[in-house]
């Protein structure tokens, strides 16, 4: 019933050149001595400097790492506290609304 339409390959446009024919040629060798090429001069690569940490730098790294951990922890705890307070307030609102609806039904 539903058959997919298969696209046809487009035909080349413009001038189409036939493939070039490569004919083998004879290889001739000459017996002339060749002087070896001089080796290229390569500049020495400087060694990578090693990182040396002084005691002050180590203390600074430890202090900054501790500060980052404390700040991230405080942000996560405050977000968790905000979610908990919001959930508790929504639960209290639901209880109050349920109580109002139930007491209004008893008055009639």
C-alpha atoms as a PDB file:
ATOM      1  CA  UNK A   1       0.000   0.000   0.000  1.00  0.00           C
ATOM      2  CA  UNK A   2       2.623   2.525   1.044  1.00  0.00           C
ATOM      3  CA  UNK A   3       5.859   2.025  -0.813  1.00  0.00           C
ATOM      4  CA  UNK A   4       8.852   4.269  -0.277  1.00  0.00           C
ATOM      5  CA  UNK A   5      10.042   6.267  -3.237  1.00  0.00           C
ATOM      6  CA  UNK A   6      13.674   5.464  -3.929  1.00  0.00           C
ATOM      7  CA  UNK A   7      15.567   8.479  -5.229  1.00  0.00           C
ATOM      8  CA  UNK A   8      17.402   8.081  -8.513  1.00  0.00           C
ATOM      9  CA  UNK A   9      21.074   8.869  -8.805  1.00  0.00           C
ATOM     10  CA  UNK A  10      21.611  12.241 -10.493  1.00  0.00           C
ATOM     11  CA  UNK A  11      23.402  12.165 -13.811  1.00  0.00           C
ATOM     12  CA  UNK A  12      26.659  14.110 -14.105  1.00  0.00           C
ATOM     13  CA  UNK A  13      26.339  17.505 -15.692  1.00  0.00           C
ATOM     14  CA  UNK A  14      28.822  19.449 -17.756  1.00  0.00           C
ATOM     15  CA  UNK A  15      31.851  18.034 -19.542  1.00  0.00           C
ATOM     16  CA  UNK A  16      32.907  14.562 -18.530  1.00  0.00           C
ATOM     17  CA  UNK A  17      36.517  13.673 -19.283  1.00  0.00           C
ATOM     18  CA  UNK A  18      37.466  10.053 -19.934  1.00  0.00           C
ATOM     19  CA  UNK A  19      39.941   8.493 -17.509  1.00  0.00           C
ATOM     20  CA  UNK A  20      43.573   9.137 -18.355  1.00  0.00           C
ATOM     21  CA  UNK A  21      45.601   6.221 -19.676  1.00  0.00           C
ATOM     22  CA  UNK A  22      48.951   5.730 -17.974  1.00  0.00           C
ATOM     23  CA  UNK A  23      51.624   4.054 -20.088  1.00  0.00           C
ATOM     24  CA  UNK A  24      54.582   2.396 -18.367  1.00  0.00           C
ATOM     25  CA  UNK A  25      58.021   3.823 -19.109  1.00  0.00           C
ATOM     26  CA  UNK A  26      61.424   2.225 -18.848  1.00  0.00           C
ATOM     27  CA  UNK A  27      63.488   3.037 -15.782  1.00  0.00           C
ATOM     28  CA  UNK A  28      67.115   3.853 -16.460  1.00  0.00           C
ATOM     29  CA  UNK A  29      69.737   3.806 -13.740  1.00  0.00           C
ATOM     30  CA  UNK A  30      72.812   5.962 -13.738  1.00  0.00           C
ATOM     31  CA  UNK A  31      75.896   4.736 -11.916  1.00  0.00           C
ATOM     32  CA  UNK A  32      77.173   8.073 -10.758  1.00  0.00           C
ATOM     33  CA  UNK A  33      78.368   8.231  -7.167  1.00  0.00           C
ATOM     34  CA  UNK A  34      76.340  10.545  -5.005  1.00  0.00           C
ATOM     35  CA  UNK A  35      77.643  12.415  -2.051  1.00  0.00           C
ATOM     36  CA  UNK A  36      75.560  11.953   1.070  1.00  0.00           C
ATOM     37  CA  UNK A  37      73.513  14.956   2.050  1.00  0.00           C
ATOM     38  CA  UNK A  38      74.657  16.671   5.232  1.00  0.00           C
ATOM     39  CA  UNK A  39      72.545  15.903   8.255  1.00  0.00           C
ATOM     40  CA  UNK A  40      70.215  18.763   9.178  1.00  0.00           C
ATOM     41  CA  UNK A  41      71.173  20.688  12.265  1.00  0.00           C
ATOM     42  CA  UNK A  42      68.547  20.228  14.926  1.00  0.00           C
ATOM     43  CA  UNK A  43      68.361  22.697  17.773  1.00  0.00           C
ATOM     44  CA  UNK A  44      68.282  21.034  21.182  1.00  0.00           C
ATOM     45  CA  UNK A  45      64.842  21.015  22.753  1.00  0.00           C
ATOM     46  CA  UNK A  46      64.863  22.642  26.170  1.00  0.00           C
ATOM     47  CA  UNK A  47      63.705  20.376  28.959  1.00  0.00           C
ATOM     48  CA  UNK A  48      60.301  21.145  30.453  1.00  0.00           C
ATOM     49  CA  UNK A  49      60.679  22.979  33.716  1.00  0.00           C
ATOM     50  CA  UNK A  50      59.440  20.981  36.662  1.00  0.00           C
ATOM     51  CA  UNK A  51      56.911  22.519  39.001  1.00  0.00           C
ATOM     52  CA  UNK A  52      58.399  23.032  42.429  1.00  0.00           C
ATOM     53  CA  UNK A  53      55.987  23.749  45.237  1.00  0.00           C
ATOM     54  CA  UNK A  54      57.232  25.726  48.164  1.00  0.00           C
ATOM     55  CA  UNK A  55      55.753  25.134  51.626  1.00  0.00           C
ATOM     56  CA  UNK A  56      53.862  28.426  51.327  1.00  0.00           C
ATOM     57  CA  UNK A  57      52.336  27.375  48.013  1.00  0.00           C
ATOM     58  CA  UNK A  58      51.272  24.021  49.480  1.00  0.00           C
ATOM     59  CA  UNK A  59      49.570  25.770  52.400  1.00  0.00           C
ATOM     60  CA  UNK A  60      47.834  28.163  49.991  1.00  0.00           C
ATOM     61  CA  UNK A  61      46.589  25.263  47.835  1.00  0.00           C
ATOM     62  CA  UNK A  62      45.287  23.356  50.857  1.00  0.00           C
ATOM     63  CA  UNK A  63      43.604  26.480  52.220  1.00  0.00           C
ATOM     64  CA  UNK A  64      41.921  27.350  48.934  1.00  0.00           C
ATOM     65  CA  UNK A  65      40.771  23.753  48.433  1.00  0.00           C
ATOM     66  CA  UNK A  66      39.278  23.710  51.918  1.00  0.00           C
ATOM     67  CA  UNK A  67      37.512  27.022  51.261  1.00  0.00           C
ATOM     68  CA  UNK A  68      36.023  25.712  48.017  1.00  0.00           C
ATOM     69  CA  UNK A  69      34.758  22.548  49.731  1.00  0.00           C
ATOM     70  CA  UNK A  70      33.200  24.570  52.553  1.00  0.00           C
ATOM     71  CA  UNK A  71      31.482  27.004  50.188  1.00  0.00           C
ATOM     72  CA  UNK A  72      30.078  24.242  47.963  1.00  0.00           C
ATOM     73  CA  UNK A  73      28.910  22.332  51.046  1.00  0.00           C
ATOM     74  CA  UNK A  74      27.176  25.414  52.461  1.00  0.00           C
ATOM     75  CA  UNK A  75      25.389  26.046  49.164  1.00  0.00           C
ATOM     76  CA  UNK A  76      24.199  22.429  48.924  1.00  0.00           C
ATOM     77  CA  UNK A  77      23.011  22.372  52.546  1.00  0.00           C
ATOM     78  CA  UNK A  78      21.122  25.647  52.086  1.00  0.00           C
ATOM     79  CA  UNK A  79      19.421  24.289  48.964  1.00  0.00           C
ATOM     80  CA  UNK A  80      18.420  21.126  50.835  1.00  0.00           C
ATOM     81  CA  UNK A  81      17.073  23.229  53.709  1.00  0.00           C
ATOM     82  CA  UNK A  82      15.071  25.398  51.291  1.00  0.00           C
ATOM     83  CA  UNK A  83      13.499  22.308  49.718  1.00  0.00           C
ATOM     84  CA  UNK A  84      12.652  20.872  53.146  1.00  0.00           C
ATOM     85  CA  UNK A  85      11.051  24.131  54.355  1.00  0.00           C
ATOM     86  CA  UNK A  86       9.045  24.443  51.142  1.00  0.00           C
ATOM     87  CA  UNK A  87       7.810  20.853  51.434  1.00  0.00           C
ATOM     88  CA  UNK A  88       6.789  21.337  55.051  1.00  0.00           C
ATOM     89  CA  UNK A  89       4.913  24.560  54.270  1.00  0.00           C
ATOM     90  CA  UNK A  90       3.064  22.929  51.357  1.00  0.00           C
ATOM     91  CA  UNK A  91       2.095  20.023  53.628  1.00  0.00           C
ATOM     92  CA  UNK A  92       0.781  22.398  56.288  1.00  0.00           C
ATOM     93  CA  UNK A  93      -1.201  24.344  53.682  1.00  0.00           C
ATOM     94  CA  UNK A  94      -2.706  21.088  52.394  1.00  0.00           C
ATOM     95  CA  UNK A  95      -3.766  20.103  55.922  1.00  0.00           C
ATOM     96  CA  UNK A  96      -5.368  23.506  56.553  1.00  0.00           C
ATOM     97  CA  UNK A  97      -7.262  23.450  53.259  1.00  0.00           C
ATOM     98  CA  UNK A  98      -8.447  19.877  53.915  1.00  0.00           C
ATOM     99  CA  UNK A  99      -9.610  20.863  57.370  1.00  0.00           C
ATOM    100  CA  UNK A 100     -11.490  23.902  56.026  1.00  0.00           C
ATOM    101  CA  UNK A 101     -13.201  21.833  53.349  1.00  0.00           C
ATOM    102  CA  UNK A 102     -14.168  19.121  55.859  1.00  0.00           C
ATOM    103  CA  UNK A 103     -15.531  21.624  58.422  1.00  0.00           C
ATOM    104  CA  UNK A 104     -17.520  23.456  55.738  1.00  0.00           C
ATOM    105  CA  UNK A 105     -19.139  20.202  54.676  1.00  0.00           C
ATOM    106  CA  UNK A 106     -20.257  19.466  58.271  1.00  0.00           C
ATOM    107  CA  UNK A 107     -21.893  22.886  58.678  1.00  0.00           C
ATOM    108  CA  UNK A 108     -24.409  22.280  55.901  1.00  0.00           C
END
